[in-house]
Protein backbone atom coordinates (compact mmCIF):
# COMPACT_ATOMS: atom_id res chain seq x y z
CA UNK A 1 100.51 110.10 147.65
CA UNK A 2 96.87 109.21 146.43
CA UNK A 3 95.66 106.06 145.55
CA UNK A 4 92.39 104.66 144.66
CA UNK A 5 90.83 100.69 145.04
CA UNK A 6 87.71 99.97 143.14
CA UNK A 7 85.15 97.66 142.49
CA UNK A 8 86.12 95.56 145.80
CA UNK A 9 84.02 93.98 148.54
CA UNK A 10 84.64 96.34 151.66
CA UNK A 11 84.70 94.45 154.92
CA UNK A 12 83.33 97.95 156.89
CA UNK A 13 82.72 97.04 160.72
CA UNK A 14 79.32 95.94 160.44
CA UNK A 15 78.92 94.47 156.58
CA UNK A 16 80.53 93.64 153.63
CA UNK A 17 79.89 96.05 150.79
CA UNK A 18 80.98 96.39 146.93
CA UNK A 19 82.49 99.43 146.72
CA UNK A 20 85.94 101.36 146.59
CA UNK A 21 87.95 103.59 149.08
CA UNK A 22 90.22 106.68 148.21
CA UNK A 23 93.29 107.15 150.42
CA UNK A 24 95.38 110.35 151.11
CA UNK A 25 98.27 110.92 152.69
CA UNK A 26 98.37 107.59 154.55
CA UNK A 27 94.92 108.38 155.45
CA UNK A 28 91.57 106.70 153.91
CA UNK A 29 90.18 110.11 152.16
CA UNK A 30 87.00 108.63 151.86
CA UNK A 31 85.07 105.14 151.29
CA UNK A 32 81.85 105.18 148.28
CA UNK A 33 79.83 101.99 148.48
CA UNK A 34 77.93 100.65 145.32
CA UNK A 35 78.65 99.22 141.70
CA UNK A 36 81.84 100.31 139.48
CA UNK A 37 79.79 102.52 137.31
CA UNK A 38 78.94 104.63 140.74
CA UNK A 39 82.29 105.29 141.89
CA UNK A 40 83.80 108.30 141.46
CA UNK A 41 87.71 106.96 140.95
CA UNK A 42 88.61 107.96 137.51
CA UNK A 43 90.55 106.35 134.83
CA UNK A 44 93.88 105.87 137.39
CA UNK A 45 91.61 103.67 140.01
CA UNK A 46 92.82 100.20 140.58
CA UNK A 47 89.93 97.67 139.78
CA UNK A 48 90.21 95.10 142.68
CA UNK A 49 87.96 92.19 140.43
CA UNK A 50 85.64 92.00 143.50
CA UNK A 51 88.69 90.95 145.84
CA UNK A 52 88.01 91.76 149.48
CA UNK A 53 89.62 94.67 150.84
CA UNK A 54 90.37 94.58 154.59
CA UNK A 55 91.64 96.92 157.14
CA UNK A 56 95.68 95.77 157.65
CA UNK A 57 95.69 93.41 160.85
CA UNK A 58 97.22 93.89 163.74
CA UNK A 59 98.79 91.16 165.68
CA UNK A 60 99.54 91.25 169.12
CA UNK A 61 101.84 88.19 170.26
CA UNK A 62 103.78 86.89 167.47
CA UNK A 63 106.86 84.47 168.52
CA UNK A 64 107.94 84.11 164.56
CA UNK A 65 110.90 86.65 165.12
CA UNK A 66 112.40 84.16 167.56
CA UNK A 67 112.36 81.13 165.04
CA UNK A 68 114.42 83.53 162.50
CA UNK A 69 116.65 84.26 165.52
CA UNK A 70 117.22 80.61 166.67
CA UNK A 71 116.70 78.79 163.10
CA UNK A 72 117.75 75.43 164.81
CA UNK A 73 119.06 74.04 168.36
CA UNK A 74 121.67 75.90 169.13
CA UNK A 75 122.37 78.10 165.85
CA UNK A 76 121.84 82.10 166.71
CA UNK A 77 121.26 84.86 163.97
CA UNK A 78 122.42 88.03 162.93
CA UNK A 79 119.39 90.40 164.70
CA UNK A 80 119.12 92.34 161.41
CA UNK A 81 118.69 89.80 158.70
CA UNK A 82 116.39 88.07 161.34
CA UNK A 83 114.09 91.21 161.39
CA UNK A 84 114.31 91.75 157.72
CA UNK A 85 112.96 88.02 157.06
CA UNK A 86 110.26 88.55 159.53
CA UNK A 87 108.98 91.52 158.51
CA UNK A 88 108.70 90.48 155.03
CA UNK A 89 106.83 87.42 156.14
CA UNK A 90 104.26 89.10 158.23
CA UNK A 91 103.22 91.73 155.06
CA UNK A 92 102.76 88.42 152.80
CA UNK A 93 100.30 87.83 155.64
CA UNK A 94 98.32 90.77 155.64
CA UNK A 95 100.31 91.77 158.94
CA UNK A 96 100.98 95.65 158.52
CA UNK A 97 101.39 96.12 162.55
CA UNK A 98 102.75 93.78 164.89
CA UNK A 99 103.74 93.28 168.26
CA UNK A 100 107.33 90.84 168.61
CA UNK A 101 106.60 88.99 171.37
CA UNK A 102 109.65 88.28 172.89
CA UNK A 103 110.24 86.30 175.82
CA UNK A 104 112.24 87.73 179.13
CA UNK A 105 113.79 84.29 180.36
CA UNK A 106 113.52 80.31 180.19
CA UNK A 107 113.28 78.04 182.16
CA UNK A 108 115.38 74.76 180.98
CA UNK A 109 118.22 76.72 180.85
CA UNK A 110 118.20 77.45 177.06
CA UNK A 111 120.29 80.45 176.81
CA UNK A 112 119.31 81.19 173.19
CA UNK A 113 116.23 83.59 174.23
CA UNK A 114 118.23 85.96 176.60
CA UNK A 115 121.14 85.95 174.08
CA UNK A 116 118.63 87.43 171.74
CA UNK A 117 116.51 89.66 173.03
CA UNK A 118 118.96 92.53 173.91
CA UNK A 119 119.75 93.45 170.27
CA UNK A 120 116.35 92.79 169.35
CA UNK A 121 115.54 95.71 171.49
CA UNK A 122 118.34 97.37 170.09
CA UNK A 123 117.87 96.91 165.93
CA UNK A 124 114.01 97.62 166.39
CA UNK A 125 115.10 101.26 167.07
CA UNK A 126 118.29 101.22 164.40
CA UNK A 127 117.61 104.73 162.26
CA UNK A 128 119.41 102.64 159.06
CA UNK A 129 115.88 100.41 159.49
CA UNK A 130 114.22 103.89 158.81
CA UNK A 131 112.02 103.17 155.36
CA UNK A 132 113.06 99.51 154.80
CA UNK A 133 110.46 97.44 157.13
CA UNK A 134 107.15 96.72 155.55
CA UNK A 135 105.57 96.60 159.10
CA UNK A 136 105.08 98.27 162.17
CA UNK A 137 106.87 97.10 164.60
CA UNK A 138 106.38 96.93 168.83
CA UNK A 139 107.54 95.24 171.33
CA UNK A 140 105.58 92.57 173.54
CA UNK A 141 108.04 91.32 176.50
CA UNK A 142 106.64 88.30 177.68
CA UNK A 143 107.82 87.62 181.16
CA UNK A 144 108.79 83.88 182.92
CA UNK A 145 107.50 84.49 185.99
CA UNK A 146 109.44 81.54 187.62
CA UNK A 147 112.74 82.73 185.78
CA UNK A 148 115.41 83.57 188.44
CA UNK A 149 116.71 86.43 186.43
CA UNK A 150 113.58 87.53 185.20
CA UNK A 151 113.75 90.86 187.70
CA UNK A 152 117.61 92.27 185.73
CA UNK A 153 116.84 91.09 182.53
CA UNK A 154 113.34 93.01 182.69
CA UNK A 155 114.22 96.22 184.03
CA UNK A 156 116.47 97.78 181.71
CA UNK A 157 113.73 97.39 179.21
CA UNK A 158 111.05 99.17 180.73
CA UNK A 159 111.58 102.24 178.86
CA UNK A 160 111.86 101.13 175.51
CA UNK A 161 109.77 103.50 173.99
CA UNK A 162 108.08 101.02 171.51
CA UNK A 163 106.80 98.63 174.61
CA UNK A 164 102.62 98.45 174.56
CA UNK A 165 102.78 95.23 176.42
CA UNK A 166 103.45 93.32 179.06
CA UNK A 167 102.38 89.52 179.69
CA UNK A 168 102.65 87.63 182.90
CA UNK A 169 103.72 83.96 181.62
CA UNK A 170 104.49 80.83 184.31
CA UNK A 171 105.83 77.04 181.84
CA UNK A 172 105.76 75.94 185.57
CA UNK A 173 105.20 72.13 184.61
CA UNK A 174 101.83 70.62 185.97
CA UNK A 175 99.74 74.06 185.72
CA UNK A 176 98.27 76.17 182.64
CA UNK A 177 99.85 75.23 179.42
CA UNK A 178 101.44 71.99 180.90
CA UNK A 179 99.02 70.83 182.79
CA UNK A 180 99.53 67.42 181.53
CA UNK A 181 103.23 66.56 182.61
CA UNK A 182 103.32 64.07 179.67
CA UNK A 183 102.42 66.82 177.23
CA UNK A 184 105.35 69.01 178.36
CA UNK A 185 107.67 66.05 177.84
CA UNK A 186 106.86 65.40 174.89
CA UNK A 187 107.01 68.74 173.38
CA UNK A 188 110.72 69.01 175.20
CA UNK A 189 111.76 65.93 173.62
CA UNK A 190 110.84 67.60 170.37
CA UNK A 191 113.38 69.90 171.35
CA UNK A 192 116.54 67.31 172.22
CA UNK A 193 115.77 67.00 175.93
CA UNK A 194 115.23 64.01 177.39
CA UNK A 195 114.90 62.80 180.85
CA UNK A 196 114.42 59.41 182.57
CA UNK A 197 111.35 59.03 185.05
CA UNK A 198 114.03 59.60 188.27
CA UNK A 199 115.49 62.59 186.43
CA UNK A 200 111.81 63.94 185.10
CA UNK A 201 110.36 63.31 188.66
CA UNK A 202 113.15 65.46 190.37
CA UNK A 203 112.78 68.59 187.77
CA UNK A 204 109.09 68.96 188.39
CA UNK A 205 110.14 69.13 191.76
CA UNK A 206 112.70 71.38 191.25
CA UNK A 207 110.55 73.99 188.97
CA UNK A 208 107.62 73.68 191.26
CA UNK A 209 109.47 74.88 194.42
CA UNK A 210 111.08 77.50 192.19
CA UNK A 211 107.76 78.52 191.64
CA UNK A 212 106.60 78.51 195.02
CA UNK A 213 109.64 80.67 195.75
CA UNK A 214 109.89 83.44 192.86
CA UNK A 215 106.71 83.84 191.33
CA UNK A 216 104.74 85.98 194.05
CA UNK A 217 107.37 88.11 193.99
CA UNK A 218 108.35 88.42 190.54
CA UNK A 219 104.23 88.90 189.31
CA UNK A 220 104.01 91.79 191.99
CA UNK A 221 107.17 93.74 190.81
CA UNK A 222 105.61 93.70 187.45
CA UNK A 223 102.17 94.65 188.00
CA UNK A 224 103.54 97.52 189.93
CA UNK A 225 106.05 99.14 187.28
CA UNK A 226 102.63 98.32 184.75
CA UNK A 227 100.87 100.43 186.27
CA UNK A 228 103.25 103.15 186.79
CA UNK A 229 103.71 103.28 183.52
CA UNK A 230 100.87 102.58 181.98
CA UNK A 231 101.53 99.41 179.96
CA UNK A 232 99.26 96.98 179.64
CA UNK A 233 99.04 93.65 180.94
CA UNK A 234 98.17 90.16 180.26
CA UNK A 235 98.12 87.00 181.68
CA UNK A 236 99.49 84.00 179.60
CA UNK A 237 97.40 80.50 179.77
CA UNK A 238 95.33 80.63 182.40
CA UNK A 239 93.70 77.00 183.07
CA UNK A 240 91.51 77.45 186.58
CA UNK A 241 88.93 80.11 187.91
CA UNK A 242 91.60 80.59 190.67
CA UNK A 243 94.66 81.85 188.08
CA UNK A 244 91.82 84.42 186.26
CA UNK A 245 91.17 85.35 189.62
CA UNK A 246 94.74 86.49 190.14
CA UNK A 247 95.18 87.86 186.86
CA UNK A 248 92.09 90.18 188.14
CA UNK A 249 93.47 91.11 190.78
CA UNK A 250 96.84 92.35 189.01
CA UNK A 251 94.61 94.11 186.63
CA UNK A 252 95.04 92.21 183.47
CA UNK A 253 92.99 93.34 180.57
CA UNK A 254 93.82 90.74 177.94
CA UNK A 255 93.61 86.79 178.83
CA UNK A 256 96.10 85.28 176.62
CA UNK A 257 95.12 81.91 175.14
CA UNK A 258 93.07 80.48 178.07
CA UNK A 259 93.71 76.52 178.44
CA UNK A 260 90.12 75.53 178.93
CA UNK A 261 86.99 77.15 178.62
CA UNK A 262 85.88 77.54 182.15
CA UNK A 263 88.95 80.09 182.38
CA UNK A 264 87.54 82.02 179.14
CA UNK A 265 84.53 82.57 180.37
CA UNK A 266 85.86 83.57 183.64
CA UNK A 267 88.37 85.61 181.79
CA UNK A 268 85.56 87.68 179.84
CA UNK A 269 83.10 87.74 183.03
CA UNK A 270 86.23 89.52 184.85
CA UNK A 271 86.22 92.08 181.62
CA UNK A 272 89.31 91.04 180.31
CA UNK A 273 89.81 90.54 176.38
CA UNK A 274 90.31 86.37 175.32
CA UNK A 275 92.92 85.78 173.00
CA UNK A 276 93.06 82.57 170.98
CA UNK A 277 95.50 81.16 168.83
CA UNK A 278 95.06 81.49 164.57
CA UNK A 279 97.13 78.16 164.80
CA UNK A 280 94.78 76.36 166.81
CA UNK A 281 91.72 77.11 164.58
CA UNK A 282 93.61 76.07 161.33
CA UNK A 283 94.53 73.00 162.94
CA UNK A 284 91.62 72.13 164.25
CA UNK A 285 93.21 71.37 168.06
CA UNK A 286 96.00 73.03 170.13
CA UNK A 287 99.23 71.62 170.22
CA UNK A 288 99.09 71.54 173.76
CA UNK A 289 96.12 69.15 174.46
CA UNK A 290 94.32 72.64 175.72
CA UNK A 291 91.01 73.28 174.55
CA UNK A 292 90.39 74.38 170.88
CA UNK A 293 89.28 77.67 169.47
CA UNK A 294 86.88 75.91 167.47
CA UNK A 295 85.22 75.84 170.77
CA UNK A 296 85.72 78.64 171.92
CA UNK A 297 84.18 80.49 169.12
CA UNK A 298 81.31 78.45 169.20
CA UNK A 299 80.89 79.69 172.75
CA UNK A 300 81.53 83.54 171.48
CA UNK A 301 84.48 83.36 173.66
CA UNK A 302 86.81 84.80 171.03
CA UNK A 303 87.72 88.53 170.66
CA UNK A 304 91.21 88.70 169.29
CA UNK A 305 93.13 86.43 167.39
CA UNK A 306 96.88 86.02 167.13
CA UNK A 307 99.21 83.99 164.64
CA UNK A 308 100.66 83.30 167.43
CA UNK A 309 104.14 80.79 165.58
CA UNK A 310 102.56 80.72 161.94
CA UNK A 311 102.14 84.98 160.40
CA UNK A 312 99.75 83.36 157.72
CA UNK A 313 97.59 81.50 159.80
CA UNK A 314 96.09 84.96 160.61
CA UNK A 315 94.21 85.42 157.76
CA UNK A 316 93.12 81.99 157.35
CA UNK A 317 91.96 81.80 160.86
CA UNK A 318 89.80 85.12 160.49
CA UNK A 319 87.94 83.45 157.18
CA UNK A 320 87.06 80.41 158.98
CA UNK A 321 85.94 82.28 161.61
CA UNK A 322 82.98 83.77 159.34
CA UNK A 323 82.30 80.32 158.62
CA UNK A 324 81.09 79.69 162.06
CA UNK A 325 77.74 79.53 163.35
CA UNK A 326 76.68 83.46 164.53
CA UNK A 327 80.11 84.76 162.80
CA UNK A 328 79.67 86.96 160.11
CA UNK A 329 82.96 88.16 158.07
CA UNK A 330 83.36 91.61 159.81
CA UNK A 331 83.03 90.19 163.28
CA UNK A 332 85.63 87.74 162.50
CA UNK A 333 87.63 90.14 160.98
CA UNK A 334 87.62 92.75 164.16
CA UNK A 335 89.08 90.01 166.04
CA UNK A 336 92.75 90.29 163.99
CA UNK A 337 91.84 94.45 163.31
CA UNK A 338 89.76 96.03 165.78
CA UNK A 339 89.87 94.75 169.35
CA UNK A 340 93.62 94.46 169.06
CA UNK A 341 93.79 98.29 168.21
CA UNK A 342 91.57 98.95 170.84
CA UNK A 343 93.44 96.70 173.06
CA UNK A 344 96.12 98.67 172.55
CA UNK A 345 94.55 101.80 172.21
CA UNK A 346 95.52 102.31 169.13
CA UNK A 347 92.89 104.73 167.75
CA UNK A 348 94.65 105.56 163.78
CA UNK A 349 94.00 101.86 163.01
CA UNK A 350 91.96 98.55 162.77
CA UNK A 351 89.03 100.00 160.76
CA UNK A 352 87.70 101.04 157.08
CA UNK A 353 86.65 104.58 157.78
CA UNK A 354 87.68 107.54 156.52
CA UNK A 355 90.30 109.53 158.73
CA UNK A 356 92.33 105.92 159.31
CA UNK A 357 95.68 105.17 158.84
CA UNK A 358 94.83 103.35 154.95
CA UNK A 359 96.78 99.86 156.22
CA UNK A 360 94.70 97.61 153.72
CA UNK A 361 95.22 94.06 152.76
CA UNK A 362 93.37 93.18 149.79
CA UNK A 363 92.60 89.52 149.87
CA UNK A 364 90.99 86.96 147.22
CA UNK A 365 89.61 82.99 148.28
CA UNK A 366 91.16 80.99 145.97
CA UNK A 367 89.67 77.16 146.26
CA UNK A 368 88.48 77.76 150.03
CA UNK A 369 91.68 79.60 150.86
CA UNK A 370 92.28 83.61 151.86
CA UNK A 371 95.35 84.38 150.00
CA UNK A 372 96.88 88.01 150.14
CA UNK A 373 96.96 90.01 146.87
CA UNK A 374 98.46 93.54 148.18
CA UNK A 375 99.20 94.86 151.42
CA UNK A 376 99.27 98.40 151.66
CA UNK A 377 100.76 100.47 154.73
CA UNK A 378 99.93 104.21 155.21
CA UNK A 379 98.49 103.94 151.27
CA UNK A 380 102.39 102.25 150.13
CA UNK A 381 102.49 98.85 149.13
CA UNK A 382 104.34 96.30 150.90
CA UNK A 383 103.78 93.35 149.39
């Protein structure tokens, strides 16, 4: 199977150049630069009309599948149609490799996440889906450290062949993402959870006691399992120097969504890659009242961008980064391609170069918005 894409603005690791890409057997066989008249595509070349050609986007933390599995409060949807719909949405957003981020545990007594976890892990390996999925799906397990049944739920899943990332998260109210208790209360009120002042105070006390009793042991057990199995570790929503120091002691390599500028700077100093949310960048603020992604970008503290809960935000976020002082388009594109590939040791993708897998995205800017024209996975159009 061969393919020639010509007359495109190629976003290479260090420059944007006019040229074309030849694909053979699912790999980038050659890159030619120059005007269309100087390239050798032949009559079967696809003229990209000056559109951008990017490496396929790589998403390390997508919550989007959970929205399909639980379309409304108390409603559970079957795993296969949920996965297919989620997959199509990703391909339309230019994402060719995704880590489906599944929560292991929920502190507010919602069993929906636990109920969907097992079916998703099974369906990701279902051979009947071979050839049906547009993107390559891998697994990211998000470990809720204060969840009482965490270890009994997690341990059977640690041998899953698609597991590529474990993250340590703690949504106990009063710290990290929810250090502002008013924000915590507001967030859960949107999910039909309401408390009197007295009940809310009692809940916070109970959650903090549960945290003190469970988190240290759970954290240590997961760190040991990750080390023994060679699975990278991420830390979720670090806010303080103390939390980053704890992450460093756990050999965390990825700081997911640090909630303060101080934590992001400290994580970078500890050798961790800093992940920011593309929806935060697109909206211009965090939905939880935490540090803005623009602030992190202006400080040069974003290594990896994640679509989080909006797949289309990843491409938008990349082009927004490219408009911030000090950010070139190749630098911005790397946050959604080369950097996440390197974080997981995926050496066969993440950049436009001969020998890399032909995961490609053709992008046209309409007005001020980047729009996906075509997504290719291993040289095959999937959108």
